C-alpha atoms as a PDB file:
ATOM      1  CA  MET A   1      23.523 -36.062  12.957  1.00  0.00           C
ATOM      2  CA  GLU A   2      21.896 -35.486  16.327  1.00  0.00           C
ATOM      3  CA  ARG A   3      19.977 -32.238  16.947  1.00  0.00           C
ATOM      4  CA  SER A   4      20.056 -30.452  20.243  1.00  0.00           C
ATOM      5  CA  PRO A   5      16.709 -29.929  22.023  1.00  0.00           C
ATOM      6  CA  GLU A   6      17.199 -26.120  21.858  1.00  0.00           C
ATOM      7  CA  ILE A   7      16.381 -26.141  18.170  1.00  0.00           C
ATOM      8  CA  PHE A   8      12.796 -27.096  19.005  1.00  0.00           C
ATOM      9  CA  LEU A   9      12.275 -24.323  21.606  1.00  0.00           C
ATOM     10  CA  MET A  10      10.972 -21.911  19.012  1.00  0.00           C
ATOM     11  CA  PHE A  11       7.985 -24.189  18.520  1.00  0.00           C
ATOM     12  CA  THR A  12       7.101 -24.236  22.237  1.00  0.00           C
ATOM     13  CA  LYS A  13       7.960 -20.629  23.176  1.00  0.00           C
ATOM     14  CA  GLU A  14       6.865 -17.375  21.655  1.00  0.00           C
ATOM     15  CA  THR A  15       9.194 -16.616  18.750  1.00  0.00           C
ATOM     16  CA  VAL A  16       9.599 -13.475  16.728  1.00  0.00           C
ATOM     17  CA  PHE A  17      10.882 -13.616  13.178  1.00  0.00           C
ATOM     18  CA  ILE A  18      12.294 -10.377  11.792  1.00  0.00           C
ATOM     19  CA  LEU A  19      11.896 -10.392   8.038  1.00  0.00           C
ATOM     20  CA  GLY A  20      13.081  -7.927   5.463  1.00  0.00           C
ATOM     21  CA  ALA A  21      10.748  -6.335   2.925  1.00  0.00           C
ATOM     22  CA  GLY A  22      11.753  -8.891   0.386  1.00  0.00           C
ATOM     23  CA  ALA A  23      10.012 -11.608   2.308  1.00  0.00           C
ATOM     24  CA  SER A  24       6.670 -10.458   0.872  1.00  0.00           C
ATOM     25  CA  TRP A  25       7.945 -10.537  -2.675  1.00  0.00           C
ATOM     26  CA  HIS A  26       6.901 -14.171  -3.088  1.00  0.00           C
ATOM     27  CA  TYR A  27       3.306 -13.135  -2.367  1.00  0.00           C
ATOM     28  CA  GLY A  28       3.351 -10.623  -5.211  1.00  0.00           C
ATOM     29  CA  TYR A  29       4.010  -7.523  -3.150  1.00  0.00           C
ATOM     30  CA  PRO A  30       6.431  -5.021  -4.625  1.00  0.00           C
ATOM     31  CA  THR A  31       9.714  -4.153  -3.034  1.00  0.00           C
ATOM     32  CA  GLY A  32      12.125  -1.255  -3.477  1.00  0.00           C
ATOM     33  CA  GLU A  33      12.194   0.174  -6.952  1.00  0.00           C
ATOM     34  CA  THR A  34       9.033  -1.640  -8.028  1.00  0.00           C
ATOM     35  CA  LEU A  35       7.065  -0.037  -5.217  1.00  0.00           C
ATOM     36  CA  VAL A  36       8.375   3.364  -6.252  1.00  0.00           C
ATOM     37  CA  LYS A  37       7.225   2.759  -9.855  1.00  0.00           C
ATOM     38  CA  LYS A  38       3.787   1.591  -8.727  1.00  0.00           C
ATOM     39  CA  VAL A  39       3.375   4.618  -6.451  1.00  0.00           C
ATOM     40  CA  ILE A  40       4.257   6.859  -9.425  1.00  0.00           C
ATOM     41  CA  ASP A  41       1.563   5.104 -11.467  1.00  0.00           C
ATOM     42  CA  LYS A  42      -1.013   5.495  -8.706  1.00  0.00           C
ATOM     43  CA  ALA A  43      -0.025   9.135  -8.283  1.00  0.00           C
ATOM     44  CA  ALA A  44      -0.918   9.758 -11.926  1.00  0.00           C
ATOM     45  CA  TYR A  45      -4.400   8.258 -11.374  1.00  0.00           C
ATOM     46  CA  ALA A  46      -4.865  10.135  -8.108  1.00  0.00           C
ATOM     47  CA  CYS A  47      -3.908  13.454  -9.737  1.00  0.00           C
ATOM     48  CA  ARG A  48      -6.557  13.020 -12.372  1.00  0.00           C
ATOM     49  CA  TYR A  49      -9.135  12.117  -9.717  1.00  0.00           C
ATOM     50  CA  PHE A  50      -8.225  15.052  -7.475  1.00  0.00           C
ATOM     51  CA  GLU A  51      -8.350  17.479 -10.381  1.00  0.00           C
ATOM     52  CA  HIS A  52     -11.769  16.128 -11.434  1.00  0.00           C
ATOM     53  CA  CYS A  53     -13.066  16.477  -7.853  1.00  0.00           C
ATOM     54  CA  ALA A  54     -11.785  20.056  -7.630  1.00  0.00           C
ATOM     55  CA  ASN A  55     -13.446  21.029 -10.894  1.00  0.00           C
ATOM     56  CA  ASP A  56     -16.743  19.252 -10.046  1.00  0.00           C
ATOM     57  CA  LEU A  57     -16.721  20.458  -6.391  1.00  0.00           C
ATOM     58  CA  ASN A  58     -17.001  16.998  -4.914  1.00  0.00           C
ATOM     59  CA  ARG A  59     -18.034  17.689  -1.320  1.00  0.00           C
ATOM     60  CA  VAL A  60     -17.232  14.177  -0.101  1.00  0.00           C
ATOM     61  CA  LEU A  61     -13.700  14.609   1.163  1.00  0.00           C
ATOM     62  CA  PRO A  62     -11.484  11.682   2.165  1.00  0.00           C
ATOM     63  CA  ASN A  63     -10.163  11.720   5.732  1.00  0.00           C
ATOM     64  CA  PHE A  64      -6.801  13.216   4.868  1.00  0.00           C
ATOM     65  CA  LEU A  65      -8.559  16.245   3.325  1.00  0.00           C
ATOM     66  CA  GLN A  66     -11.131  16.871   5.986  1.00  0.00           C
ATOM     67  CA  VAL A  67     -11.986  20.411   6.881  1.00  0.00           C
ATOM     68  CA  GLU A  68     -13.560  21.492  10.112  1.00  0.00           C
ATOM     69  CA  HIS A  69     -17.296  21.978   9.622  1.00  0.00           C
ATOM     70  CA  ALA A  70     -17.210  20.552   6.088  1.00  0.00           C
ATOM     71  CA  LYS A  71     -20.949  20.988   5.618  1.00  0.00           C
ATOM     72  CA  GLU A  72     -20.606  24.745   6.027  1.00  0.00           C
ATOM     73  CA  ALA A  73     -17.430  24.948   3.868  1.00  0.00           C
ATOM     74  CA  THR A  74     -17.653  27.157   0.801  1.00  0.00           C
ATOM     75  CA  ASP A  75     -17.182  25.833  -2.664  1.00  0.00           C
ATOM     76  CA  ALA A  76     -13.861  27.651  -2.825  1.00  0.00           C
ATOM     77  CA  GLU A  77     -12.654  25.911   0.384  1.00  0.00           C
ATOM     78  CA  ILE A  78     -13.663  22.501  -0.924  1.00  0.00           C
ATOM     79  CA  SER A  79     -12.035  23.132  -4.263  1.00  0.00           C
ATOM     80  CA  GLU A  80      -8.855  24.359  -2.548  1.00  0.00           C
ATOM     81  CA  LYS A  81      -8.643  21.139  -0.529  1.00  0.00           C
ATOM     82  CA  TRP A  82      -8.855  19.042  -3.703  1.00  0.00           C
ATOM     83  CA  ARG A  83      -6.298  21.276  -5.437  1.00  0.00           C
ATOM     84  CA  ALA A  84      -3.912  20.918  -2.473  1.00  0.00           C
ATOM     85  CA  ALA A  85      -4.247  17.139  -2.778  1.00  0.00           C
ATOM     86  CA  PHE A  86      -3.598  17.417  -6.508  1.00  0.00           C
ATOM     87  CA  ASN A  87      -0.486  19.542  -5.847  1.00  0.00           C
ATOM     88  CA  ALA A  88       0.909  17.198  -3.210  1.00  0.00           C
ATOM     89  CA  CYS A  89       0.294  14.175  -5.438  1.00  0.00           C
ATOM     90  CA  SER A  90       1.820  15.919  -8.428  1.00  0.00           C
ATOM     91  CA  ASP A  91       4.867  16.965  -6.336  1.00  0.00           C
ATOM     92  CA  LEU A  92       5.313  13.390  -5.098  1.00  0.00           C
ATOM     93  CA  LYS A  93       5.098  11.974  -8.607  1.00  0.00           C
ATOM     94  CA  ALA A  94       7.531  14.525 -10.050  1.00  0.00           C
ATOM     95  CA  GLY A  95       9.945  14.122  -7.123  1.00  0.00           C
ATOM     96  CA  LEU A  96       9.998  10.353  -7.353  1.00  0.00           C
ATOM     97  CA  GLU A  97      10.547  10.497 -11.095  1.00  0.00           C
ATOM     98  CA  ARG A  98      13.384  13.032 -10.647  1.00  0.00           C
ATOM     99  CA  VAL A  99      15.180  11.334  -7.765  1.00  0.00           C
ATOM    100  CA  ASN A 100      14.353   7.729  -8.687  1.00  0.00           C
ATOM    101  CA  PRO A 101      15.055   6.418  -5.180  1.00  0.00           C
ATOM    102  CA  LEU A 102      15.707   2.712  -4.541  1.00  0.00           C
ATOM    103  CA  VAL A 103      13.162   2.763  -1.732  1.00  0.00           C
ATOM    104  CA  ILE A 104      10.355   5.177  -1.067  1.00  0.00           C
ATOM    105  CA  ASP A 105      10.944   5.349   2.726  1.00  0.00           C
ATOM    106  CA  TYR A 106      13.967   7.619   2.507  1.00  0.00           C
ATOM    107  CA  TYR A 107      12.312   9.942   0.027  1.00  0.00           C
ATOM    108  CA  LEU A 108       9.260  10.348   2.264  1.00  0.00           C
ATOM    109  CA  GLY A 109      11.521  10.863   5.257  1.00  0.00           C
ATOM    110  CA  TRP A 110      13.229  13.735   3.436  1.00  0.00           C
ATOM    111  CA  ASN A 111       9.922  15.214   2.297  1.00  0.00           C
ATOM    112  CA  ALA A 112       7.659  15.255   5.357  1.00  0.00           C
ATOM    113  CA  GLU A 113       5.001  17.356   3.570  1.00  0.00           C
ATOM    114  CA  LEU A 114       4.444  14.477   1.135  1.00  0.00           C
ATOM    115  CA  GLN A 115       4.180  11.708   3.739  1.00  0.00           C
ATOM    116  CA  SER A 116       0.353  11.685   3.918  1.00  0.00           C
ATOM    117  CA  ILE A 117      -0.178  11.363   0.209  1.00  0.00           C
ATOM    118  CA  GLY A 118       2.754   8.941  -0.037  1.00  0.00           C
ATOM    119  CA  LYS A 119       1.271   6.678   2.651  1.00  0.00           C
ATOM    120  CA  LEU A 120      -2.113   6.786   0.912  1.00  0.00           C
ATOM    121  CA  LEU A 121      -0.604   5.684  -2.405  1.00  0.00           C
ATOM    122  CA  ILE A 122       1.510   2.966  -0.774  1.00  0.00           C
ATOM    123  CA  ALA A 123      -1.622   1.663   0.935  1.00  0.00           C
ATOM    124  CA  TRP A 124      -3.398   1.613  -2.430  1.00  0.00           C
ATOM    125  CA  VAL A 125      -0.618  -0.451  -4.002  1.00  0.00           C
ATOM    126  CA  ILE A 126      -0.525  -2.895  -1.072  1.00  0.00           C
ATOM    127  CA  LEU A 127      -4.324  -3.267  -0.982  1.00  0.00           C
ATOM    128  CA  GLU A 128      -4.371  -4.126  -4.661  1.00  0.00           C
ATOM    129  CA  CYS A 129      -1.735  -6.783  -4.094  1.00  0.00           C
ATOM    130  CA  GLU A 130      -3.782  -8.083  -1.158  1.00  0.00           C
ATOM    131  CA  HIS A 131      -6.844  -8.324  -3.398  1.00  0.00           C
ATOM    132  CA  VAL A 132      -4.959 -10.241  -6.054  1.00  0.00           C
ATOM    133  CA  HIS A 133      -3.522 -12.627  -3.465  1.00  0.00           C
ATOM    134  CA  GLN A 134      -6.922 -13.248  -1.910  1.00  0.00           C
ATOM    135  CA  ARG A 135      -8.467 -13.876  -5.347  1.00  0.00           C
ATOM    136  CA  GLU A 136      -5.759 -16.410  -6.127  1.00  0.00           C
ATOM    137  CA  ALA A 137      -6.255 -18.106  -2.728  1.00  0.00           C
ATOM    138  CA  TRP A 138     -10.008 -18.399  -3.311  1.00  0.00           C
ATOM    139  CA  LYS A 139      -9.366 -19.813  -6.796  1.00  0.00           C
ATOM    140  CA  TYR A 140      -7.185 -22.576  -5.400  1.00  0.00           C
ATOM    141  CA  GLN A 141      -9.472 -23.259  -2.466  1.00  0.00           C
ATOM    142  CA  SER A 142     -12.629 -23.402  -4.585  1.00  0.00           C
ATOM    143  CA  LYS A 143     -11.010 -26.157  -6.653  1.00  0.00           C
ATOM    144  CA  GLY A 144     -10.136 -28.156  -3.545  1.00  0.00           C
ATOM    145  CA  ASN A 145      -6.449 -27.227  -3.893  1.00  0.00           C
ATOM    146  CA  ALA A 146      -5.920 -25.340  -0.682  1.00  0.00           C
ATOM    147  CA  PHE A 147      -3.045 -27.645   0.254  1.00  0.00           C
ATOM    148  CA  LYS A 148      -1.349 -26.972  -3.104  1.00  0.00           C
ATOM    149  CA  LEU A 149      -1.530 -23.210  -2.491  1.00  0.00           C
ATOM    150  CA  THR A 150      -0.126 -23.617   1.013  1.00  0.00           C
ATOM    151  CA  VAL A 151       2.839 -25.611  -0.304  1.00  0.00           C
ATOM    152  CA  ALA A 152       3.357 -23.045  -3.111  1.00  0.00           C
ATOM    153  CA  GLY A 153       3.682 -20.228  -0.593  1.00  0.00           C
ATOM    154  CA  GLY A 154       0.124 -19.043  -0.039  1.00  0.00           C
ATOM    155  CA  THR A 155      -2.111 -19.393   2.955  1.00  0.00           C
ATOM    156  CA  GLY A 156      -4.553 -22.052   1.937  1.00  0.00           C
ATOM    157  CA  ASN A 157      -7.240 -20.420   4.074  1.00  0.00           C
ATOM    158  CA  GLY A 158      -8.842 -18.089   1.579  1.00  0.00           C
ATOM    159  CA  GLY A 159      -6.215 -15.397   1.907  1.00  0.00           C
ATOM    160  CA  GLY A 160      -7.348 -14.010   5.216  1.00  0.00           C
ATOM    161  CA  ASN A 161      -4.193 -14.628   7.258  1.00  0.00           C
ATOM    162  CA  ARG A 162      -0.665 -14.825   5.990  1.00  0.00           C
ATOM    163  CA  SER A 163       1.070 -15.707   9.194  1.00  0.00           C
END
C-alpha cells in the first residue's frame, strides 16, 4: 500500500486539530455530566466558605467580588458582597441539581447571572485535575519512567505542556 505525499504535509505545515471535550478525558479531566457533578460539589464547599467570610467579615475579596475603594468599604458592604457570592453559588448549585444538564455550558448560557460563579467553579475543577496530572507526571519522571508516561498518554515532561 503506497501512501501519497499529501499525508505527510501536516508534519511540515502548520496544522490545527479540532478536538471535542472528550479528548481530555484520558488525562483525567471531567466531561459532560461528570463536570456538572463536580461543579455541584465545589459549589457546596464555596457556599460554606462564602458564608463563613460574610459572618467573619473577611475584607480580602477575590477579584470577582471587588468593590470600588474596598479599603473604605463598610462592614455591611463587605458582608453583602460575600452574601451575594453565597447566593449566586447556592442558586447555581440548586439549579444544576434541579435541571441536571448533560453539559454545564448550556445551563450557564441560559443563566447569565450565574456565569461568573460558574466559571470560577469550573476553573477550580480543572485546576485540581491539572494538579493531579502534574503530580502523576512528576512521579513517573522521578522514577526515570518519563517515556512510559508519554506512551501511556501523558506528557513525559513533568506535566507542564500537554500539546
